[in-house]
């Protein structure tokens, strides 16, 4: 009985941080997605949460591969304009068909902050991503609705973080 009370008191006195699960190395947040230029599956529709979830999962997985142990990256996405656009004059029967043309490149505005294991900021900034030549870069999964946006983010991650890791390995 003594041990049970001791164990119970030990658990009660543990700091809250000891009982919290570890934080993932990458955090993706969306700042006012309802105001994004275009993250919808319909013409002038609300943000498609499935698209946002896909981007979050993809970005978290890819970005984590560039981080050293203990580092944390926070990415705040401020705007998304998906590749393609709705042209109701071309498809009057179904105006919710996205036409992917080179005049509608993907665009993403974001800010980021990279911290080391001690919480010190290693790198931070804002980025406005766009790729006007996006149709010249084929993606292996051509049926992925978010393939152009994922490629845009992959390129940004590579340019922003791969060189940093290469220098730290020297």
N, C-alpha and C. Protein backbone atom coordinates (compact mmCIF):
# COMPACT_ATOMS: atom_id res chain seq x y z
N UNK A 1 0.82 -1.20 0.00
CA UNK A 1 0.00 0.00 0.00
C UNK A 1 0.86 1.26 0.00
N UNK A 2 1.97 1.22 0.78
CA UNK A 2 2.87 2.36 0.83
C UNK A 2 3.40 2.71 -0.56
N UNK A 3 3.76 1.66 -1.30
CA UNK A 3 4.35 1.88 -2.62
C UNK A 3 3.33 2.47 -3.59
N UNK A 4 2.09 2.06 -3.47
CA UNK A 4 1.04 2.58 -4.34
C UNK A 4 0.84 4.07 -4.12
N UNK A 5 0.85 4.51 -2.86
CA UNK A 5 0.69 5.93 -2.56
C UNK A 5 1.90 6.71 -3.06
N UNK A 6 3.10 6.13 -2.86
CA UNK A 6 4.33 6.79 -3.33
C UNK A 6 4.31 6.95 -4.84
N UNK A 7 3.90 5.90 -5.54
CA UNK A 7 3.83 5.96 -7.00
C UNK A 7 2.81 7.00 -7.46
N UNK A 8 1.67 7.01 -6.81
CA UNK A 8 0.63 7.98 -7.15
C UNK A 8 1.12 9.40 -6.90
N UNK A 9 1.77 9.66 -5.78
CA UNK A 9 2.30 11.00 -5.48
C UNK A 9 3.39 11.39 -6.47
N UNK A 10 4.21 10.43 -6.90
CA UNK A 10 5.26 10.72 -7.86
C UNK A 10 4.67 11.17 -9.19
N UNK A 11 3.60 10.51 -9.60
CA UNK A 11 2.97 10.87 -10.86
C UNK A 11 2.32 12.25 -10.78
N UNK A 12 1.73 12.57 -9.64
CA UNK A 12 1.07 13.86 -9.47
C UNK A 12 2.10 14.98 -9.47
N UNK A 13 3.27 14.74 -8.93
CA UNK A 13 4.28 15.77 -8.80
C UNK A 13 5.16 15.91 -10.04
N UNK A 14 5.00 15.01 -11.01
CA UNK A 14 5.79 15.12 -12.23
C UNK A 14 5.47 16.42 -12.95
N UNK A 15 6.46 17.07 -13.51
CA UNK A 15 6.14 18.29 -14.28
C UNK A 15 5.31 17.94 -15.50
N UNK A 16 4.52 18.89 -15.95
CA UNK A 16 3.62 18.66 -17.10
C UNK A 16 4.41 18.28 -18.34
N UNK A 17 5.61 18.84 -18.50
CA UNK A 17 6.40 18.56 -19.70
C UNK A 17 6.82 17.10 -19.77
N UNK A 18 6.94 16.44 -18.62
CA UNK A 18 7.34 15.04 -18.61
C UNK A 18 6.22 14.14 -19.11
N UNK A 19 4.99 14.59 -19.00
CA UNK A 19 3.87 13.76 -19.42
C UNK A 19 3.41 14.09 -20.84
N UNK A 20 3.90 15.20 -21.41
CA UNK A 20 3.52 15.58 -22.77
C UNK A 20 4.30 14.74 -23.78
N UNK A 21 3.66 14.37 -24.86
CA UNK A 21 4.41 13.65 -25.90
C UNK A 21 5.43 14.59 -26.53
N UNK A 22 6.51 14.05 -27.06
CA UNK A 22 7.51 14.92 -27.68
C UNK A 22 6.92 15.65 -28.88
N UNK A 23 7.36 16.89 -29.07
CA UNK A 23 6.86 17.68 -30.19
C UNK A 23 7.52 17.20 -31.48
N UNK A 24 6.76 17.19 -32.57
CA UNK A 24 7.36 16.79 -33.85
C UNK A 24 8.39 17.83 -34.27
N UNK A 25 9.39 17.42 -35.06
CA UNK A 25 10.43 18.36 -35.46
C UNK A 25 9.93 19.46 -36.41
N UNK A 26 8.84 19.21 -37.11
CA UNK A 26 8.32 20.19 -38.07
C UNK A 26 6.87 20.51 -37.72
N UNK A 27 6.58 21.80 -37.65
CA UNK A 27 5.21 22.27 -37.42
C UNK A 27 4.80 23.11 -38.62
N UNK A 28 3.65 22.78 -39.18
CA UNK A 28 3.11 23.54 -40.31
C UNK A 28 1.80 24.17 -39.85
N UNK A 29 1.69 25.46 -40.01
CA UNK A 29 0.45 26.14 -39.66
C UNK A 29 0.00 27.01 -40.83
N UNK A 30 -1.29 27.19 -40.91
CA UNK A 30 -1.88 27.99 -41.98
C UNK A 30 -2.47 29.25 -41.37
N UNK A 31 -2.05 30.40 -41.89
CA UNK A 31 -2.53 31.68 -41.38
C UNK A 31 -3.72 32.12 -42.24
N UNK A 32 -4.89 32.11 -41.66
CA UNK A 32 -6.14 32.52 -42.32
C UNK A 32 -6.34 31.84 -43.69
N UNK A 33 -6.45 30.51 -43.72
CA UNK A 33 -6.61 29.83 -45.02
C UNK A 33 -7.86 30.24 -45.79
N UNK A 34 -8.85 30.75 -45.08
CA UNK A 34 -10.06 31.21 -45.77
C UNK A 34 -9.78 32.42 -46.66
N UNK A 35 -8.64 33.08 -46.45
CA UNK A 35 -8.26 34.24 -47.26
C UNK A 35 -7.24 33.90 -48.34
N UNK A 36 -6.84 32.63 -48.43
CA UNK A 36 -5.86 32.23 -49.44
C UNK A 36 -6.41 32.51 -50.84
N UNK A 37 -5.51 32.82 -51.76
CA UNK A 37 -5.90 33.13 -53.12
C UNK A 37 -6.67 31.98 -53.75
N UNK A 38 -6.13 30.74 -53.62
CA UNK A 38 -6.80 29.59 -54.24
C UNK A 38 -6.29 28.30 -53.62
N UNK A 39 -7.09 27.72 -52.76
CA UNK A 39 -6.81 26.40 -52.20
C UNK A 39 -8.13 25.64 -52.12
N UNK A 40 -8.85 25.71 -53.22
CA UNK A 40 -10.20 25.16 -53.27
C UNK A 40 -10.32 24.12 -54.38
N UNK A 41 -11.27 23.24 -54.24
CA UNK A 41 -11.53 22.27 -55.29
C UNK A 41 -12.68 22.72 -56.19
N UNK A 42 -13.25 23.88 -55.87
CA UNK A 42 -14.32 24.44 -56.69
C UNK A 42 -14.06 25.93 -56.92
N UNK A 43 -14.66 26.46 -57.95
CA UNK A 43 -14.50 27.87 -58.26
C UNK A 43 -15.10 28.71 -57.14
N UNK A 44 -14.29 29.52 -56.49
CA UNK A 44 -14.70 30.39 -55.39
C UNK A 44 -15.23 29.62 -54.19
N UNK A 45 -14.79 28.36 -54.03
CA UNK A 45 -15.25 27.57 -52.90
C UNK A 45 -14.39 27.80 -51.67
N UNK A 46 -14.77 27.19 -50.54
CA UNK A 46 -14.00 27.33 -49.31
C UNK A 46 -12.69 26.55 -49.42
N UNK A 47 -11.73 26.81 -48.52
CA UNK A 47 -10.49 26.05 -48.55
C UNK A 47 -10.77 24.56 -48.40
N UNK A 48 -10.08 23.77 -49.19
CA UNK A 48 -10.24 22.33 -49.15
C UNK A 48 -9.30 21.79 -48.06
N UNK A 49 -9.86 21.34 -46.95
CA UNK A 49 -9.04 20.88 -45.82
C UNK A 49 -8.22 19.65 -46.20
N UNK A 50 -8.69 18.86 -47.13
CA UNK A 50 -7.93 17.71 -47.59
C UNK A 50 -6.63 18.16 -48.27
N UNK A 51 -6.71 19.21 -49.06
CA UNK A 51 -5.51 19.75 -49.71
C UNK A 51 -4.52 20.25 -48.66
N UNK A 52 -5.03 20.96 -47.66
CA UNK A 52 -4.16 21.48 -46.60
C UNK A 52 -3.51 20.35 -45.82
N UNK A 53 -4.28 19.30 -45.53
CA UNK A 53 -3.73 18.14 -44.83
C UNK A 53 -2.64 17.46 -45.65
N UNK A 54 -2.88 17.31 -46.95
CA UNK A 54 -1.87 16.70 -47.82
C UNK A 54 -0.57 17.49 -47.79
N UNK A 55 -0.68 18.81 -47.91
CA UNK A 55 0.51 19.65 -47.90
C UNK A 55 1.23 19.58 -46.56
N UNK A 56 0.48 19.60 -45.46
CA UNK A 56 1.08 19.51 -44.13
C UNK A 56 1.87 18.23 -43.96
N UNK A 57 1.27 17.11 -44.31
CA UNK A 57 1.95 15.81 -44.17
C UNK A 57 3.18 15.74 -45.05
N UNK A 58 3.05 16.18 -46.29
CA UNK A 58 4.18 16.14 -47.22
C UNK A 58 5.31 17.03 -46.72
N UNK A 59 4.98 18.25 -46.34
CA UNK A 59 5.98 19.20 -45.90
C UNK A 59 6.66 18.75 -44.61
N UNK A 60 5.90 18.21 -43.68
CA UNK A 60 6.47 17.72 -42.43
C UNK A 60 7.47 16.60 -42.67
N UNK A 61 7.10 15.67 -43.52
CA UNK A 61 7.97 14.53 -43.81
C UNK A 61 9.24 14.98 -44.54
N UNK A 62 9.09 15.77 -45.58
CA UNK A 62 10.24 16.23 -46.37
C UNK A 62 11.17 17.12 -45.54
N UNK A 63 10.61 18.08 -44.82
CA UNK A 63 11.42 19.02 -44.06
C UNK A 63 12.20 18.32 -42.96
N UNK A 64 11.60 17.32 -42.33
CA UNK A 64 12.27 16.60 -41.24
C UNK A 64 13.57 15.96 -41.72
N UNK A 65 13.64 15.57 -42.98
CA UNK A 65 14.85 14.92 -43.49
C UNK A 65 16.03 15.90 -43.59
N UNK A 66 15.79 17.19 -43.53
CA UNK A 66 16.85 18.20 -43.60
C UNK A 66 17.32 18.67 -42.22
N UNK A 67 16.66 18.23 -41.16
CA UNK A 67 16.96 18.72 -39.83
C UNK A 67 17.93 17.81 -39.09
N UNK A 68 18.77 18.44 -38.28
CA UNK A 68 19.66 17.69 -37.39
C UNK A 68 18.85 17.28 -36.16
N UNK A 69 19.31 16.27 -35.42
CA UNK A 69 18.58 15.86 -34.22
C UNK A 69 18.38 17.04 -33.26
N UNK A 70 17.17 17.18 -32.77
CA UNK A 70 16.84 18.22 -31.82
C UNK A 70 16.38 19.53 -32.45
N UNK A 71 16.61 19.72 -33.74
CA UNK A 71 16.19 20.95 -34.38
C UNK A 71 14.68 20.93 -34.61
N UNK A 72 14.10 22.13 -34.61
CA UNK A 72 12.66 22.29 -34.83
C UNK A 72 12.46 23.36 -35.91
N UNK A 73 11.57 23.06 -36.83
CA UNK A 73 11.25 23.98 -37.91
C UNK A 73 9.76 24.29 -37.86
N UNK A 74 9.45 25.56 -37.80
CA UNK A 74 8.06 26.01 -37.85
C UNK A 74 7.85 26.74 -39.17
N UNK A 75 6.84 26.31 -39.90
CA UNK A 75 6.52 26.92 -41.19
C UNK A 75 5.09 27.46 -41.10
N UNK A 76 4.96 28.75 -41.35
CA UNK A 76 3.64 29.39 -41.35
C UNK A 76 3.31 29.77 -42.80
N UNK A 77 2.31 29.11 -43.34
CA UNK A 77 1.92 29.38 -44.72
C UNK A 77 0.87 30.49 -44.70
N UNK A 78 1.19 31.57 -45.43
CA UNK A 78 0.36 32.77 -45.43
C UNK A 78 -0.57 32.86 -46.62
N UNK A 79 -0.19 32.23 -47.74
CA UNK A 79 -1.05 32.26 -48.92
C UNK A 79 -0.67 31.12 -49.85
N UNK A 80 -1.67 30.59 -50.54
CA UNK A 80 -1.46 29.56 -51.56
C UNK A 80 -2.32 29.94 -52.76
N UNK A 81 -1.70 29.85 -53.91
CA UNK A 81 -2.42 29.99 -55.17
C UNK A 81 -2.04 28.74 -55.96
N UNK A 82 -2.94 27.79 -56.00
CA UNK A 82 -2.66 26.51 -56.65
C UNK A 82 -2.40 26.68 -58.14
N UNK A 83 -1.64 25.73 -58.68
CA UNK A 83 -1.41 25.71 -60.13
C UNK A 83 -2.76 25.53 -60.82
N UNK A 84 -2.91 26.21 -61.94
CA UNK A 84 -4.15 26.11 -62.69
C UNK A 84 -5.17 27.14 -62.22
N UNK A 85 -6.27 27.17 -62.91
CA UNK A 85 -7.34 28.09 -62.56
C UNK A 85 -8.66 27.59 -63.11
N UNK A 86 -9.70 28.16 -62.60
CA UNK A 86 -11.04 27.80 -63.07
C UNK A 86 -11.42 28.72 -64.22
N UNK A 87 -11.84 28.14 -65.31
CA UNK A 87 -12.24 28.91 -66.50
C UNK A 87 -13.67 28.51 -66.87
N UNK A 88 -14.65 29.12 -66.20
CA UNK A 88 -16.04 28.74 -66.44
C UNK A 88 -16.49 28.99 -67.88
N UNK A 89 -15.83 29.89 -68.60
CA UNK A 89 -16.19 30.15 -69.99
C UNK A 89 -15.77 29.00 -70.91
N UNK A 90 -14.78 28.18 -70.47
CA UNK A 90 -14.34 27.04 -71.26
C UNK A 90 -15.21 25.81 -70.96
N UNK A 91 -15.60 25.67 -69.70
CA UNK A 91 -16.40 24.53 -69.26
C UNK A 91 -17.70 25.03 -68.64
N UNK A 92 -18.60 25.61 -69.42
CA UNK A 92 -19.82 26.19 -68.84
C UNK A 92 -20.70 25.16 -68.15
N UNK A 93 -20.65 23.91 -68.58
CA UNK A 93 -21.47 22.88 -67.95
C UNK A 93 -20.95 22.57 -66.55
N UNK A 94 -19.63 22.53 -66.41
CA UNK A 94 -19.02 22.27 -65.11
C UNK A 94 -17.92 23.30 -64.86
N UNK A 95 -18.26 24.43 -64.26
CA UNK A 95 -17.27 25.50 -64.07
C UNK A 95 -16.23 25.19 -62.99
N UNK A 96 -16.36 24.03 -62.32
CA UNK A 96 -15.43 23.68 -61.25
C UNK A 96 -14.31 22.76 -61.72
N UNK A 97 -13.97 22.82 -62.98
CA UNK A 97 -12.85 22.05 -63.52
C UNK A 97 -11.63 22.97 -63.56
N UNK A 98 -10.58 22.55 -62.89
CA UNK A 98 -9.33 23.33 -62.85
C UNK A 98 -8.55 23.10 -64.13
N UNK A 99 -8.27 24.16 -64.85
CA UNK A 99 -7.49 24.09 -66.08
C UNK A 99 -6.04 24.42 -65.72
N UNK A 100 -5.15 23.46 -65.93
CA UNK A 100 -3.74 23.68 -65.59
C UNK A 100 -3.02 24.15 -66.85
N UNK A 101 -2.64 25.42 -66.81
CA UNK A 101 -1.94 26.06 -67.93
C UNK A 101 -0.75 26.84 -67.37
N UNK A 102 0.21 27.11 -68.23
CA UNK A 102 1.41 27.81 -67.77
C UNK A 102 1.13 29.24 -67.30
N UNK A 103 0.02 29.80 -67.63
CA UNK A 103 -0.31 31.16 -67.17
C UNK A 103 -0.79 31.17 -65.72
N UNK A 104 -1.00 29.97 -65.12
CA UNK A 104 -1.44 29.85 -63.73
C UNK A 104 -0.41 29.07 -62.92
N UNK A 105 0.79 29.62 -62.69
CA UNK A 105 1.79 28.87 -61.93
C UNK A 105 1.41 28.77 -60.44
N UNK A 106 1.93 27.76 -59.76
CA UNK A 106 1.68 27.68 -58.32
C UNK A 106 2.47 28.77 -57.59
N UNK A 107 1.86 29.31 -56.53
CA UNK A 107 2.51 30.33 -55.71
C UNK A 107 2.21 30.05 -54.25
N UNK A 108 3.23 30.19 -53.43
CA UNK A 108 3.06 30.00 -51.98
C UNK A 108 3.87 31.07 -51.26
N UNK A 109 3.24 31.73 -50.30
CA UNK A 109 3.94 32.70 -49.44
C UNK A 109 4.00 32.09 -48.04
N UNK A 110 5.19 32.15 -47.45
CA UNK A 110 5.36 31.54 -46.13
C UNK A 110 6.43 32.26 -45.33
N UNK A 111 6.44 31.99 -44.04
CA UNK A 111 7.54 32.40 -43.18
C UNK A 111 7.96 31.16 -42.42
N UNK A 112 9.21 31.17 -41.97
CA UNK A 112 9.73 29.99 -41.29
C UNK A 112 10.72 30.39 -40.20
N UNK A 113 10.91 29.46 -39.27
CA UNK A 113 11.87 29.66 -38.20
C UNK A 113 12.47 28.31 -37.84
N UNK A 114 13.78 28.22 -37.92
CA UNK A 114 14.50 27.01 -37.57
C UNK A 114 15.22 27.25 -36.25
N UNK A 115 14.98 26.37 -35.28
CA UNK A 115 15.61 26.49 -33.95
C UNK A 115 16.42 25.24 -33.66
N UNK A 116 17.49 25.44 -32.89
CA UNK A 116 18.30 24.29 -32.48
C UNK A 116 17.66 23.63 -31.26
N UNK A 117 18.32 22.62 -30.73
CA UNK A 117 17.78 21.86 -29.60
C UNK A 117 17.62 22.71 -28.35
N UNK A 118 18.35 23.84 -28.26
CA UNK A 118 18.28 24.72 -27.09
C UNK A 118 17.31 25.87 -27.28
N UNK A 119 16.66 25.92 -28.44
CA UNK A 119 15.68 26.97 -28.70
C UNK A 119 16.24 28.21 -29.36
N UNK A 120 17.53 28.21 -29.70
CA UNK A 120 18.14 29.36 -30.37
C UNK A 120 17.75 29.36 -31.85
N UNK A 121 17.42 30.52 -32.37
CA UNK A 121 17.05 30.64 -33.77
C UNK A 121 18.30 30.51 -34.64
N UNK A 122 18.28 29.53 -35.54
CA UNK A 122 19.39 29.31 -36.46
C UNK A 122 19.17 30.02 -37.79
N UNK A 123 17.91 30.05 -38.20
CA UNK A 123 17.57 30.63 -39.49
C UNK A 123 16.09 30.98 -39.47
N UNK A 124 15.75 32.13 -40.05
CA UNK A 124 14.35 32.54 -40.11
C UNK A 124 14.18 33.46 -41.30
N UNK A 125 12.96 33.54 -41.76
CA UNK A 125 12.71 34.45 -42.87
C UNK A 125 11.36 34.26 -43.49
N UNK A 126 11.15 35.01 -44.57
CA UNK A 126 9.93 34.93 -45.37
C UNK A 126 10.32 34.46 -46.75
N UNK A 127 9.41 33.80 -47.42
CA UNK A 127 9.68 33.35 -48.79
C UNK A 127 8.41 33.45 -49.61
N UNK A 128 8.59 33.90 -50.84
CA UNK A 128 7.49 33.91 -51.81
C UNK A 128 7.92 32.98 -52.93
N UNK A 129 7.26 31.84 -53.00
CA UNK A 129 7.64 30.80 -53.94
C UNK A 129 6.76 30.83 -55.17
N UNK A 130 7.36 30.61 -56.32
CA UNK A 130 6.63 30.51 -57.57
C UNK A 130 7.52 29.80 -58.58
N UNK A 131 6.90 29.10 -59.50
CA UNK A 131 7.65 28.43 -60.57
C UNK A 131 6.88 28.59 -61.88
N UNK A 132 7.21 29.63 -62.65
CA UNK A 132 6.51 29.84 -63.92
C UNK A 132 6.72 28.71 -64.93
N UNK A 133 7.77 27.92 -64.76
CA UNK A 133 8.06 26.81 -65.68
C UNK A 133 7.61 25.47 -65.09
N UNK A 134 6.62 25.49 -64.22
CA UNK A 134 6.20 24.28 -63.51
C UNK A 134 5.77 23.15 -64.43
N UNK A 135 5.24 23.45 -65.60
CA UNK A 135 4.80 22.38 -66.50
C UNK A 135 5.95 21.67 -67.19
N UNK A 136 7.15 22.23 -67.11
CA UNK A 136 8.33 21.58 -67.70
C UNK A 136 8.96 20.58 -66.75
N UNK A 137 8.49 20.55 -65.52
CA UNK A 137 9.03 19.64 -64.50
C UNK A 137 8.00 18.55 -64.19
N UNK A 138 8.03 17.45 -64.93
CA UNK A 138 7.04 16.41 -64.67
C UNK A 138 7.25 15.76 -63.31
N UNK A 139 6.16 15.43 -62.69
CA UNK A 139 6.19 14.73 -61.40
C UNK A 139 5.83 13.27 -61.62
N UNK A 140 6.47 12.37 -60.88
CA UNK A 140 6.16 10.95 -61.06
C UNK A 140 4.69 10.61 -60.84
N UNK A 141 4.05 11.25 -59.88
CA UNK A 141 2.65 10.96 -59.58
C UNK A 141 1.79 12.04 -60.22
N UNK A 142 1.50 11.88 -61.49
CA UNK A 142 0.79 12.94 -62.21
C UNK A 142 -0.69 13.05 -61.85
N UNK A 143 -1.22 12.13 -61.05
CA UNK A 143 -2.62 12.26 -60.64
C UNK A 143 -2.77 12.93 -59.28
N UNK A 144 -1.66 13.26 -58.63
CA UNK A 144 -1.69 13.95 -57.34
C UNK A 144 -2.14 15.39 -57.57
N UNK A 145 -3.25 15.77 -57.00
CA UNK A 145 -3.81 17.11 -57.17
C UNK A 145 -2.84 18.20 -56.73
N UNK A 146 -2.04 17.92 -55.72
CA UNK A 146 -1.13 18.92 -55.16
C UNK A 146 0.31 18.76 -55.64
N UNK A 147 0.53 18.05 -56.74
CA UNK A 147 1.89 17.74 -57.18
C UNK A 147 2.72 18.98 -57.48
N UNK A 148 2.12 20.02 -58.04
CA UNK A 148 2.88 21.22 -58.38
C UNK A 148 3.26 22.02 -57.14
N UNK A 149 2.36 22.07 -56.18
CA UNK A 149 2.63 22.78 -54.93
C UNK A 149 3.67 22.02 -54.11
N UNK A 150 3.58 20.70 -54.09
CA UNK A 150 4.57 19.90 -53.38
C UNK A 150 5.95 20.06 -54.00
N UNK A 151 6.02 20.07 -55.33
CA UNK A 151 7.30 20.27 -56.01
C UNK A 151 7.89 21.64 -55.67
N UNK A 152 7.04 22.64 -55.60
CA UNK A 152 7.48 24.00 -55.26
C UNK A 152 8.08 24.02 -53.85
N UNK A 153 7.41 23.37 -52.91
CA UNK A 153 7.90 23.31 -51.53
C UNK A 153 9.17 22.46 -51.44
N UNK A 154 9.23 21.35 -52.17
CA UNK A 154 10.43 20.50 -52.16
C UNK A 154 11.64 21.29 -52.64
N UNK A 155 11.46 22.06 -53.68
CA UNK A 155 12.55 22.86 -54.23
C UNK A 155 13.01 23.91 -53.21
N UNK A 156 12.06 24.55 -52.54
CA UNK A 156 12.41 25.54 -51.52
C UNK A 156 13.17 24.89 -50.37
N UNK A 157 12.71 23.73 -49.90
CA UNK A 157 13.41 23.03 -48.82
C UNK A 157 14.84 22.70 -49.22
N UNK A 158 15.00 22.17 -50.41
CA UNK A 158 16.33 21.78 -50.90
C UNK A 158 17.25 23.00 -50.95
N UNK A 159 16.76 24.09 -51.53
CA UNK A 159 17.58 25.30 -51.64
C UNK A 159 17.88 25.94 -50.28
N UNK A 160 16.94 25.88 -49.37
CA UNK A 160 17.07 26.55 -48.08
C UNK A 160 17.82 25.75 -47.03
N UNK A 161 17.75 24.43 -47.09
CA UNK A 161 18.28 23.64 -45.98
C UNK A 161 19.32 22.58 -46.36
N UNK A 162 19.35 22.12 -47.58
CA UNK A 162 20.31 21.07 -47.96
C UNK A 162 21.74 21.58 -47.89
N UNK A 163 21.99 22.80 -48.37
CA UNK A 163 23.34 23.36 -48.36
C UNK A 163 23.83 23.55 -46.92
N UNK A 164 22.94 23.95 -46.04
CA UNK A 164 23.30 24.15 -44.62
C UNK A 164 23.78 22.85 -44.01
N UNK A 165 23.09 21.75 -44.30
CA UNK A 165 23.48 20.45 -43.77
C UNK A 165 24.77 19.96 -44.38
N UNK A 166 24.99 20.23 -45.65
CA UNK A 166 26.24 19.82 -46.29
C UNK A 166 27.43 20.52 -45.66
N UNK A 167 27.29 21.81 -45.33
CA UNK A 167 28.37 22.56 -44.69
C UNK A 167 28.64 22.04 -43.28
N UNK A 168 27.59 21.65 -42.55
CA UNK A 168 27.79 21.18 -41.18
C UNK A 168 28.45 19.80 -41.14
N UNK A 169 28.40 19.05 -42.25
CA UNK A 169 29.03 17.73 -42.29
C UNK A 169 30.51 17.81 -42.63
N UNK A 170 30.98 18.95 -43.12
CA UNK A 170 32.38 19.10 -43.49
C UNK A 170 33.29 19.15 -42.30
